[in-house]
Amino acid sequence: MPPAPYFNAMQLISPSIATRRLDALRACAENPRGLRAGAYPGTLPVLEVAGLVARRSSGPSGRNWHWVLTDAGRAALAANGYTPDPDVAPRFRDAPSR
């Protein structure tokens, strides 16, 4: 049986799919505590298979989880010209409101 073909998550299937994948990676980069489980439901599982994002469990029971960016995901973003803005502080869900 021949080996499975290499899967490249950033391969241009169509411009809209590639843009959606980059948007999902950028969203993960801008939310260091992780994206909610239901964010980008058709995109993030594909990026997980490619190793660009991972699931991280949270809470005492571990039943809740969030999407977080991996080092490979950061490298993919850097290869596509994304650099985080150091002047913008990351927003946290539990940050005090003004």
PDB file of N, CA and C in Angstrom:
ATOM      1  N   MET A   1       0.853  -1.185   0.000  1.00  0.00           N
ATOM      2  CA  MET A   1       0.000   0.000   0.000  1.00  0.00           C
ATOM      3  C   MET A   1       0.891   1.237   0.000  1.00  0.00           C
ATOM      4  N   PRO A   2       0.673   2.161  -0.937  1.00  0.00           N
ATOM      5  CA  PRO A   2       1.515   3.361  -0.994  1.00  0.00           C
ATOM      6  C   PRO A   2       1.228   4.268   0.197  1.00  0.00           C
ATOM      7  N   PRO A   3       2.235   5.073   0.594  1.00  0.00           N
ATOM      8  CA  PRO A   3       2.022   5.987   1.724  1.00  0.00           C
ATOM      9  C   PRO A   3       0.994   7.056   1.377  1.00  0.00           C
ATOM     10  N   ALA A   4       0.366   7.585   2.414  1.00  0.00           N
ATOM     11  CA  ALA A   4      -0.617   8.647   2.205  1.00  0.00           C
ATOM     12  C   ALA A   4       0.075   9.890   1.670  1.00  0.00           C
ATOM     13  N   PRO A   5      -0.570  10.624   0.785  1.00  0.00           N
ATOM     14  CA  PRO A   5       0.051  11.846   0.254  1.00  0.00           C
ATOM     15  C   PRO A   5       0.211  12.887   1.351  1.00  0.00           C
ATOM     16  N   TYR A   6       1.235  13.708   1.216  1.00  0.00           N
ATOM     17  CA  TYR A   6       1.496  14.770   2.179  1.00  0.00           C
ATOM     18  C   TYR A   6       0.351  15.778   2.140  1.00  0.00           C
ATOM     19  N   PHE A   7      -0.124  16.178   3.310  1.00  0.00           N
ATOM     20  CA  PHE A   7      -1.226  17.134   3.398  1.00  0.00           C
ATOM     21  C   PHE A   7      -0.682  18.481   3.825  1.00  0.00           C
ATOM     22  N   ASN A   8      -0.838  19.481   3.014  1.00  0.00           N
ATOM     23  CA  ASN A   8      -0.391  20.832   3.323  1.00  0.00           C
ATOM     24  C   ASN A   8      -1.624  21.686   3.595  1.00  0.00           C
ATOM     25  N   ALA A   9      -1.794  22.130   4.845  1.00  0.00           N
ATOM     26  CA  ALA A   9      -2.989  22.871   5.236  1.00  0.00           C
ATOM     27  C   ALA A   9      -3.064  24.244   4.579  1.00  0.00           C
ATOM     28  N   MET A  10      -1.940  24.799   4.172  1.00  0.00           N
ATOM     29  CA  MET A  10      -1.956  26.129   3.585  1.00  0.00           C
ATOM     30  C   MET A  10      -2.015  26.080   2.057  1.00  0.00           C
ATOM     31  N   GLN A  11      -2.165  24.896   1.508  1.00  0.00           N
ATOM     32  CA  GLN A  11      -2.260  24.744   0.060  1.00  0.00           C
ATOM     33  C   GLN A  11      -3.496  25.493  -0.440  1.00  0.00           C
ATOM     34  N   LEU A  12      -3.351  26.178  -1.554  1.00  0.00           N
ATOM     35  CA  LEU A  12      -4.464  26.959  -2.083  1.00  0.00           C
ATOM     36  C   LEU A  12      -5.448  26.051  -2.809  1.00  0.00           C
ATOM     37  N   ILE A  13      -6.483  25.670  -2.087  1.00  0.00           N
ATOM     38  CA  ILE A  13      -7.562  24.923  -2.722  1.00  0.00           C
ATOM     39  C   ILE A  13      -8.433  25.912  -3.480  1.00  0.00           C
ATOM     40  N   SER A  14      -8.784  26.969  -2.814  1.00  0.00           N
ATOM     41  CA  SER A  14      -9.427  28.116  -3.435  1.00  0.00           C
ATOM     42  C   SER A  14      -9.039  29.317  -2.581  1.00  0.00           C
ATOM     43  N   PRO A  15      -9.055  30.510  -3.138  1.00  0.00           N
ATOM     44  CA  PRO A  15      -8.651  31.677  -2.350  1.00  0.00           C
ATOM     45  C   PRO A  15      -9.497  31.888  -1.096  1.00  0.00           C
ATOM     46  N   SER A  16     -10.778  31.583  -1.162  1.00  0.00           N
ATOM     47  CA  SER A  16     -11.615  31.813   0.010  1.00  0.00           C
ATOM     48  C   SER A  16     -11.289  30.835   1.143  1.00  0.00           C
ATOM     49  N   ILE A  17     -10.958  29.579   0.807  1.00  0.00           N
ATOM     50  CA  ILE A  17     -10.592  28.602   1.834  1.00  0.00           C
ATOM     51  C   ILE A  17      -9.242  28.966   2.444  1.00  0.00           C
ATOM     52  N   ALA A  18      -8.288  29.360   1.627  1.00  0.00           N
ATOM     53  CA  ALA A  18      -6.976  29.750   2.144  1.00  0.00           C
ATOM     54  C   ALA A  18      -7.099  30.970   3.051  1.00  0.00           C
ATOM     55  N   THR A  19      -7.926  31.931   2.675  1.00  0.00           N
ATOM     56  CA  THR A  19      -8.140  33.118   3.497  1.00  0.00           C
ATOM     57  C   THR A  19      -8.782  32.744   4.821  1.00  0.00           C
ATOM     58  N   ARG A  20      -9.739  31.852   4.777  1.00  0.00           N
ATOM     59  CA  ARG A  20     -10.407  31.410   6.012  1.00  0.00           C
ATOM     60  C   ARG A  20      -9.419  30.723   6.950  1.00  0.00           C
ATOM     61  N   ARG A  21      -8.525  29.892   6.407  1.00  0.00           N
ATOM     62  CA  ARG A  21      -7.524  29.229   7.229  1.00  0.00           C
ATOM     63  C   ARG A  21      -6.566  30.230   7.858  1.00  0.00           C
ATOM     64  N   LEU A  22      -6.130  31.216   7.083  1.00  0.00           N
ATOM     65  CA  LEU A  22      -5.245  32.241   7.637  1.00  0.00           C
ATOM     66  C   LEU A  22      -5.961  33.073   8.695  1.00  0.00           C
ATOM     67  N   ASP A  23      -7.237  33.392   8.468  1.00  0.00           N
ATOM     68  CA  ASP A  23      -8.016  34.121   9.470  1.00  0.00           C
ATOM     69  C   ASP A  23      -8.120  33.338  10.772  1.00  0.00           C
ATOM     70  N   ALA A  24      -8.314  32.035  10.681  1.00  0.00           N
ATOM     71  CA  ALA A  24      -8.408  31.198  11.878  1.00  0.00           C
ATOM     72  C   ALA A  24      -7.071  31.166  12.617  1.00  0.00           C
ATOM     73  N   LEU A  25      -5.971  31.060  11.879  1.00  0.00           N
ATOM     74  CA  LEU A  25      -4.656  31.076  12.522  1.00  0.00           C
ATOM     75  C   LEU A  25      -4.373  32.419  13.177  1.00  0.00           C
ATOM     76  N   ARG A  26      -4.748  33.505  12.504  1.00  0.00           N
ATOM     77  CA  ARG A  26      -4.558  34.836  13.100  1.00  0.00           C
ATOM     78  C   ARG A  26      -5.388  34.995  14.367  1.00  0.00           C
ATOM     79  N   ALA A  27      -6.601  34.485  14.345  1.00  0.00           N
ATOM     80  CA  ALA A  27      -7.454  34.566  15.537  1.00  0.00           C
ATOM     81  C   ALA A  27      -6.841  33.800  16.693  1.00  0.00           C
ATOM     82  N   CYS A  28      -6.257  32.648  16.422  1.00  0.00           N
ATOM     83  CA  CYS A  28      -5.572  31.891  17.478  1.00  0.00           C
ATOM     84  C   CYS A  28      -4.362  32.655  18.005  1.00  0.00           C
ATOM     85  N   ALA A  29      -3.641  33.316  17.103  1.00  0.00           N
ATOM     86  CA  ALA A  29      -2.461  34.077  17.519  1.00  0.00           C
ATOM     87  C   ALA A  29      -2.850  35.280  18.381  1.00  0.00           C
ATOM     88  N   GLU A  30      -3.982  35.875  18.101  1.00  0.00           N
ATOM     89  CA  GLU A  30      -4.401  37.067  18.831  1.00  0.00           C
ATOM     90  C   GLU A  30      -5.115  36.743  20.137  1.00  0.00           C
ATOM     91  N   ASN A  31      -5.400  35.487  20.383  1.00  0.00           N
ATOM     92  CA  ASN A  31      -6.048  35.048  21.620  1.00  0.00           C
ATOM     93  C   ASN A  31      -5.170  33.998  22.285  1.00  0.00           C
ATOM     94  N   PRO A  32      -4.164  34.414  23.035  1.00  0.00           N
ATOM     95  CA  PRO A  32      -3.202  33.452  23.573  1.00  0.00           C
ATOM     96  C   PRO A  32      -3.792  32.458  24.564  1.00  0.00           C
ATOM     97  N   ARG A  33      -4.939  32.754  25.147  1.00  0.00           N
ATOM     98  CA  ARG A  33      -5.568  31.801  26.062  1.00  0.00           C
ATOM     99  C   ARG A  33      -6.423  30.795  25.303  1.00  0.00           C
ATOM    100  N   GLY A  34      -6.555  30.965  24.007  1.00  0.00           N
ATOM    101  CA  GLY A  34      -7.262  30.004  23.175  1.00  0.00           C
ATOM    102  C   GLY A  34      -8.603  30.505  22.675  1.00  0.00           C
ATOM    103  N   LEU A  35      -9.010  29.993  21.525  1.00  0.00           N
ATOM    104  CA  LEU A  35     -10.324  30.284  20.965  1.00  0.00           C
ATOM    105  C   LEU A  35     -11.337  29.298  21.528  1.00  0.00           C
ATOM    106  N   ARG A  36     -12.576  29.712  21.612  1.00  0.00           N
ATOM    107  CA  ARG A  36     -13.624  28.819  22.122  1.00  0.00           C
ATOM    108  C   ARG A  36     -13.760  27.615  21.203  1.00  0.00           C
ATOM    109  N   ALA A  37     -14.314  26.567  21.743  1.00  0.00           N
ATOM    110  CA  ALA A  37     -14.384  25.297  21.022  1.00  0.00           C
ATOM    111  C   ALA A  37     -15.173  25.397  19.718  1.00  0.00           C
ATOM    112  N   GLY A  38     -16.173  26.253  19.641  1.00  0.00           N
ATOM    113  CA  GLY A  38     -17.009  26.336  18.455  1.00  0.00           C
ATOM    114  C   GLY A  38     -16.538  27.318  17.408  1.00  0.00           C
ATOM    115  N   ALA A  39     -15.389  27.940  17.601  1.00  0.00           N
ATOM    116  CA  ALA A  39     -14.897  28.920  16.637  1.00  0.00           C
ATOM    117  C   ALA A  39     -14.385  28.217  15.385  1.00  0.00           C
ATOM    118  N   TYR A  40     -14.713  28.746  14.228  1.00  0.00           N
ATOM    119  CA  TYR A  40     -14.274  28.206  12.936  1.00  0.00           C
ATOM    120  C   TYR A  40     -14.485  26.686  12.881  1.00  0.00           C
ATOM    121  N   PRO A  41     -15.726  26.217  12.960  1.00  0.00           N
ATOM    122  CA  PRO A  41     -15.970  24.770  13.077  1.00  0.00           C
ATOM    123  C   PRO A  41     -15.523  23.942  11.875  1.00  0.00           C
ATOM    124  N   GLY A  42     -15.476  24.497  10.712  1.00  0.00           N
ATOM    125  CA  GLY A  42     -15.042  23.731   9.551  1.00  0.00           C
ATOM    126  C   GLY A  42     -13.569  23.889   9.230  1.00  0.00           C
ATOM    127  N   THR A  43     -12.912  24.828   9.881  1.00  0.00           N
ATOM    128  CA  THR A  43     -11.535  25.151   9.542  1.00  0.00           C
ATOM    129  C   THR A  43     -10.532  24.627  10.562  1.00  0.00           C
ATOM    130  N   LEU A  44     -10.790  24.843  11.841  1.00  0.00           N
ATOM    131  CA  LEU A  44      -9.812  24.472  12.856  1.00  0.00           C
ATOM    132  C   LEU A  44      -9.554  22.968  12.956  1.00  0.00           C
ATOM    133  N   PRO A  45     -10.547  22.091  12.757  1.00  0.00           N
ATOM    134  CA  PRO A  45     -10.203  20.662  12.750  1.00  0.00           C
ATOM    135  C   PRO A  45      -9.234  20.283  11.634  1.00  0.00           C
ATOM    136  N   VAL A  46      -9.334  20.937  10.489  1.00  0.00           N
ATOM    137  CA  VAL A  46      -8.402  20.677   9.389  1.00  0.00           C
ATOM    138  C   VAL A  46      -7.002  21.147   9.777  1.00  0.00           C
ATOM    139  N   LEU A  47      -6.921  22.313  10.423  1.00  0.00           N
ATOM    140  CA  LEU A  47      -5.628  22.827  10.859  1.00  0.00           C
ATOM    141  C   LEU A  47      -5.045  21.975  11.984  1.00  0.00           C
ATOM    142  N   GLU A  48      -5.910  21.343  12.774  1.00  0.00           N
ATOM    143  CA  GLU A  48      -5.433  20.441  13.829  1.00  0.00           C
ATOM    144  C   GLU A  48      -4.769  19.204  13.213  1.00  0.00           C
ATOM    145  N   VAL A  49      -5.368  18.663  12.173  1.00  0.00           N
ATOM    146  CA  VAL A  49      -4.787  17.508  11.489  1.00  0.00           C
ATOM    147  C   VAL A  49      -3.415  17.867  10.918  1.00  0.00           C
ATOM    148  N   ALA A  50      -3.275  19.093  10.452  1.00  0.00           N
ATOM    149  CA  ALA A  50      -2.004  19.548   9.892  1.00  0.00           C
ATOM    150  C   ALA A  50      -0.991  19.908  10.973  1.00  0.00           C
ATOM    151  N   GLY A  51      -1.410  19.955  12.231  1.00  0.00           N
ATOM    152  CA  GLY A  51      -0.497  20.258  13.322  1.00  0.00           C
ATOM    153  C   GLY A  51      -0.277  21.737  13.573  1.00  0.00           C
ATOM    154  N   LEU A  52      -1.145  22.605  13.028  1.00  0.00           N
ATOM    155  CA  LEU A  52      -0.974  24.040  13.197  1.00  0.00           C
ATOM    156  C   LEU A  52      -1.693  24.577  14.429  1.00  0.00           C
ATOM    157  N   VAL A  53      -2.716  23.889  14.884  1.00  0.00           N
ATOM    158  CA  VAL A  53      -3.413  24.241  16.123  1.00  0.00           C
ATOM    159  C   VAL A  53      -3.606  22.957  16.938  1.00  0.00           C
ATOM    160  N   ALA A  54      -3.877  23.139  18.223  1.00  0.00           N
ATOM    161  CA  ALA A  54      -4.103  21.988  19.100  1.00  0.00           C
ATOM    162  C   ALA A  54      -5.249  22.313  20.045  1.00  0.00           C
ATOM    163  N   ARG A  55      -5.860  21.272  20.591  1.00  0.00           N
ATOM    164  CA  ARG A  55      -6.917  21.447  21.591  1.00  0.00           C
ATOM    165  C   ARG A  55      -6.276  21.421  22.970  1.00  0.00           C
ATOM    166  N   ARG A  56      -6.690  22.370  23.810  1.00  0.00           N
ATOM    167  CA  ARG A  56      -6.207  22.405  25.186  1.00  0.00           C
ATOM    168  C   ARG A  56      -7.414  22.366  26.101  1.00  0.00           C
ATOM    169  N   SER A  57      -7.436  21.410  27.007  1.00  0.00           N
ATOM    170  CA  SER A  57      -8.561  21.321  27.927  1.00  0.00           C
ATOM    171  C   SER A  57      -8.407  22.361  29.016  1.00  0.00           C
ATOM    172  N   SER A  58      -9.538  22.792  29.557  1.00  0.00           N
ATOM    173  CA  SER A  58      -9.520  23.796  30.616  1.00  0.00           C
ATOM    174  C   SER A  58     -10.598  23.468  31.631  1.00  0.00           C
ATOM    175  N   GLY A  59     -10.509  24.086  32.757  1.00  0.00           N
ATOM    176  CA  GLY A  59     -11.483  23.843  33.808  1.00  0.00           C
ATOM    177  C   GLY A  59     -11.091  22.646  34.650  1.00  0.00           C
ATOM    178  N   PRO A  60     -11.683  22.527  35.814  1.00  0.00           N
ATOM    179  CA  PRO A  60     -11.309  21.434  36.712  1.00  0.00           C
ATOM    180  C   PRO A  60     -11.677  20.056  36.176  1.00  0.00           C
ATOM    181  N   SER A  61     -12.741  19.947  35.430  1.00  0.00           N
ATOM    182  CA  SER A  61     -13.141  18.628  34.918  1.00  0.00           C
ATOM    183  C   SER A  61     -12.431  18.278  33.621  1.00  0.00           C
ATOM    184  N   GLY A  62     -11.907  19.283  32.926  1.00  0.00           N
ATOM    185  CA  GLY A  62     -11.243  19.034  31.653  1.00  0.00           C
ATOM    186  C   GLY A  62     -12.195  18.815  30.495  1.00  0.00           C
ATOM    187  N   ARG A  63     -13.498  19.014  30.736  1.00  0.00           N
ATOM    188  CA  ARG A  63     -14.472  18.801  29.660  1.00  0.00           C
ATOM    189  C   ARG A  63     -14.500  19.964  28.690  1.00  0.00           C
ATOM    190  N   ASN A  64     -14.170  21.159  29.136  1.00  0.00           N
ATOM    191  CA  ASN A  64     -14.115  22.317  28.249  1.00  0.00           C
ATOM    192  C   ASN A  64     -12.738  22.365  27.599  1.00  0.00           C
ATOM    193  N   TRP A  65     -12.691  22.833  26.356  1.00  0.00           N
ATOM    194  CA  TRP A  65     -11.413  22.942  25.681  1.00  0.00           C
ATOM    195  C   TRP A  65     -11.411  24.148  24.761  1.00  0.00           C
ATOM    196  N   HIS A  66     -10.211  24.553  24.384  1.00  0.00           N
ATOM    197  CA  HIS A  66      -9.996  25.722  23.528  1.00  0.00           C
ATOM    198  C   HIS A  66      -8.968  25.356  22.466  1.00  0.00           C
ATOM    199  N   TRP A  67      -9.021  26.083  21.359  1.00  0.00           N
ATOM    200  CA  TRP A  67      -8.022  25.922  20.296  1.00  0.00           C
ATOM    201  C   TRP A  67      -6.846  26.834  20.598  1.00  0.00           C
ATOM    202  N   VAL A  68      -5.635  26.313  20.548  1.00  0.00           N
ATOM    203  CA  VAL A  68      -4.430  27.116  20.750  1.00  0.00           C
ATOM    204  C   VAL A  68      -3.484  26.900  19.568  1.00  0.00           C
ATOM    205  N   LEU A  69      -2.669  27.901  19.314  1.00  0.00           N
ATOM    206  CA  LEU A  69      -1.726  27.867  18.200  1.00  0.00           C
ATOM    207  C   LEU A  69      -0.470  27.086  18.601  1.00  0.00           C
ATOM    208  N   THR A  70       0.035  26.260  17.708  1.00  0.00           N
ATOM    209  CA  THR A  70       1.273  25.519  17.958  1.00  0.00           C
ATOM    210  C   THR A  70       2.449  26.295  17.360  1.00  0.00           C
ATOM    211  N   ASP A  71       3.662  25.816  17.618  1.00  0.00           N
ATOM    212  CA  ASP A  71       4.843  26.457  17.042  1.00  0.00           C
ATOM    213  C   ASP A  71       4.827  26.368  15.517  1.00  0.00           C
ATOM    214  N   ALA A  72       4.320  25.273  14.993  1.00  0.00           N
ATOM    215  CA  ALA A  72       4.209  25.141  13.538  1.00  0.00           C
ATOM    216  C   ALA A  72       3.205  26.153  12.978  1.00  0.00           C
ATOM    217  N   GLY A  73       2.146  26.425  13.738  1.00  0.00           N
ATOM    218  CA  GLY A  73       1.178  27.438  13.317  1.00  0.00           C
ATOM    219  C   GLY A  73       1.775  28.829  13.308  1.00  0.00           C
ATOM    220  N   ARG A  74       2.599  29.120  14.320  1.00  0.00           N
ATOM    221  CA  ARG A  74       3.279  30.424  14.345  1.00  0.00           C
ATOM    222  C   ARG A  74       4.227  30.560  13.154  1.00  0.00           C
ATOM    223  N   ALA A  75       4.919  29.471  12.826  1.00  0.00           N
ATOM    224  CA  ALA A  75       5.830  29.493  11.677  1.00  0.00           C
ATOM    225  C   ALA A  75       5.056  29.691  10.373  1.00  0.00           C
ATOM    226  N   ALA A  76       3.891  29.050  10.263  1.00  0.00           N
ATOM    227  CA  ALA A  76       3.067  29.212   9.057  1.00  0.00           C
ATOM    228  C   ALA A  76       2.584  30.652   8.925  1.00  0.00           C
ATOM    229  N   LEU A  77       2.211  31.265  10.045  1.00  0.00           N
ATOM    230  CA  LEU A  77       1.792  32.665   9.996  1.00  0.00           C
ATOM    231  C   LEU A  77       2.956  33.570   9.602  1.00  0.00           C
ATOM    232  N   ALA A  78       4.121  33.328  10.175  1.00  0.00           N
ATOM    233  CA  ALA A  78       5.291  34.139   9.839  1.00  0.00           C
ATOM    234  C   ALA A  78       5.653  33.987   8.362  1.00  0.00           C
ATOM    235  N   ALA A  79       5.511  32.776   7.824  1.00  0.00           N
ATOM    236  CA  ALA A  79       5.801  32.544   6.407  1.00  0.00           C
ATOM    237  C   ALA A  79       4.816  33.271   5.501  1.00  0.00           C
ATOM    238  N   ASN A  80       3.627  33.561   6.022  1.00  0.00           N
ATOM    239  CA  ASN A  80       2.615  34.284   5.245  1.00  0.00           C
ATOM    240  C   ASN A  80       2.594  35.768   5.564  1.00  0.00           C
ATOM    241  N   GLY A  81       3.609  36.256   6.262  1.00  0.00           N
ATOM    242  CA  GLY A  81       3.757  37.693   6.478  1.00  0.00           C
ATOM    243  C   GLY A  81       3.045  38.255   7.689  1.00  0.00           C
ATOM    244  N   TYR A  82       2.571  37.419   8.596  1.00  0.00           N
ATOM    245  CA  TYR A  82       1.873  37.911   9.786  1.00  0.00           C
ATOM    246  C   TYR A  82       2.874  38.179  10.894  1.00  0.00           C
ATOM    247  N   THR A  83       2.809  39.374  11.460  1.00  0.00           N
ATOM    248  CA  THR A  83       3.585  39.702  12.648  1.00  0.00           C
ATOM    249  C   THR A  83       2.632  40.321  13.658  1.00  0.00           C
ATOM    250  N   PRO A  84       2.630  39.832  14.896  1.00  0.00           N
ATOM    251  CA  PRO A  84       1.725  40.408  15.895  1.00  0.00           C
ATOM    252  C   PRO A  84       2.126  41.839  16.224  1.00  0.00           C
ATOM    253  N   ASP A  85       1.147  42.662  16.473  1.00  0.00           N
ATOM    254  CA  ASP A  85       1.379  44.066  16.809  1.00  0.00           C
ATOM    255  C   ASP A  85       1.744  44.156  18.292  1.00  0.00           C
ATOM    256  N   PRO A  86       2.973  44.571  18.628  1.00  0.00           N
ATOM    257  CA  PRO A  86       3.366  44.610  20.041  1.00  0.00           C
ATOM    258  C   PRO A  86       2.652  45.690  20.838  1.00  0.00           C
ATOM    259  N   ASP A  87       2.062  46.689  20.163  1.00  0.00           N
ATOM    260  CA  ASP A  87       1.382  47.773  20.868  1.00  0.00           C
ATOM    261  C   ASP A  87      -0.028  47.393  21.307  1.00  0.00           C
ATOM    262  N   VAL A  88      -0.555  46.308  20.761  1.00  0.00           N
ATOM    263  CA  VAL A  88      -1.910  45.891  21.103  1.00  0.00           C
ATOM    264  C   VAL A  88      -1.828  44.782  22.148  1.00  0.00           C
ATOM    265  N   ALA A  89      -2.384  45.045  23.311  1.00  0.00           N
ATOM    266  CA  ALA A  89      -2.385  44.037  24.373  1.00  0.00           C
ATOM    267  C   ALA A  89      -3.412  42.960  24.048  1.00  0.00           C
ATOM    268  N   PRO A  90      -3.102  41.711  24.340  1.00  0.00           N
ATOM    269  CA  PRO A  90      -4.090  40.660  24.098  1.00  0.00           C
ATOM    270  C   PRO A  90      -5.310  40.843  24.984  1.00  0.00           C
ATOM    271  N   ARG A  91      -6.472  40.531  24.433  1.00  0.00           N
ATOM    272  CA  ARG A  91      -7.714  40.652  25.194  1.00  0.00           C
ATOM    273  C   ARG A  91      -8.030  39.328  25.862  1.00  0.00           C
ATOM    274  N   PHE A  92      -8.358  39.380  27.127  1.00  0.00           N
ATOM    275  CA  PHE A  92      -8.704  38.186  27.868  1.00  0.00           C
ATOM    276  C   PHE A  92     -10.176  38.246  28.237  1.00  0.00           C
ATOM    277  N   ARG A  93     -10.810  37.106  28.230  1.00  0.00           N
ATOM    278  CA  ARG A  93     -12.237  37.038  28.538  1.00  0.00           C
ATOM    279  C   ARG A  93     -12.501  37.472  29.980  1.00  0.00           C
ATOM    280  N   ASP A  94     -11.585  37.144  30.888  1.00  0.00           N
ATOM    281  CA  ASP A  94     -11.812  37.478  32.284  1.00  0.00           C
ATOM    282  C   ASP A  94     -11.161  38.793  32.702  1.00  0.00           C
ATOM    283  N   ALA A  95     -10.753  39.613  31.728  1.00  0.00           N
ATOM    284  CA  ALA A  95     -10.183  40.908  32.056  1.00  0.00           C
ATOM    285  C   ALA A  95     -11.275  41.821  32.623  1.00  0.00           C
ATOM    286  N   PRO A  96     -10.921  42.669  33.584  1.00  0.00           N
ATOM    287  CA  PRO A  96     -11.942  43.566  34.144  1.00  0.00           C
ATOM    288  C   PRO A  96     -12.444  44.544  33.092  1.00  0.00           C
ATOM    289  N   SER A  97     -13.727  44.787  33.102  1.00  0.00           N
ATOM    290  CA  SER A  97     -14.305  45.739  32.151  1.00  0.00           C
ATOM    291  C   SER A  97     -14.178  47.131  32.707  1.00  0.00           C
ATOM    292  N   ARG A  98     -14.187  48.087  31.806  1.00  0.00           N
ATOM    293  CA  ARG A  98     -14.025  49.491  32.233  1.00  0.00           C
ATOM    294  C   ARG A  98     -15.344  50.103  32.525  1.00  0.00           C
TER     295      ARG A  98
END
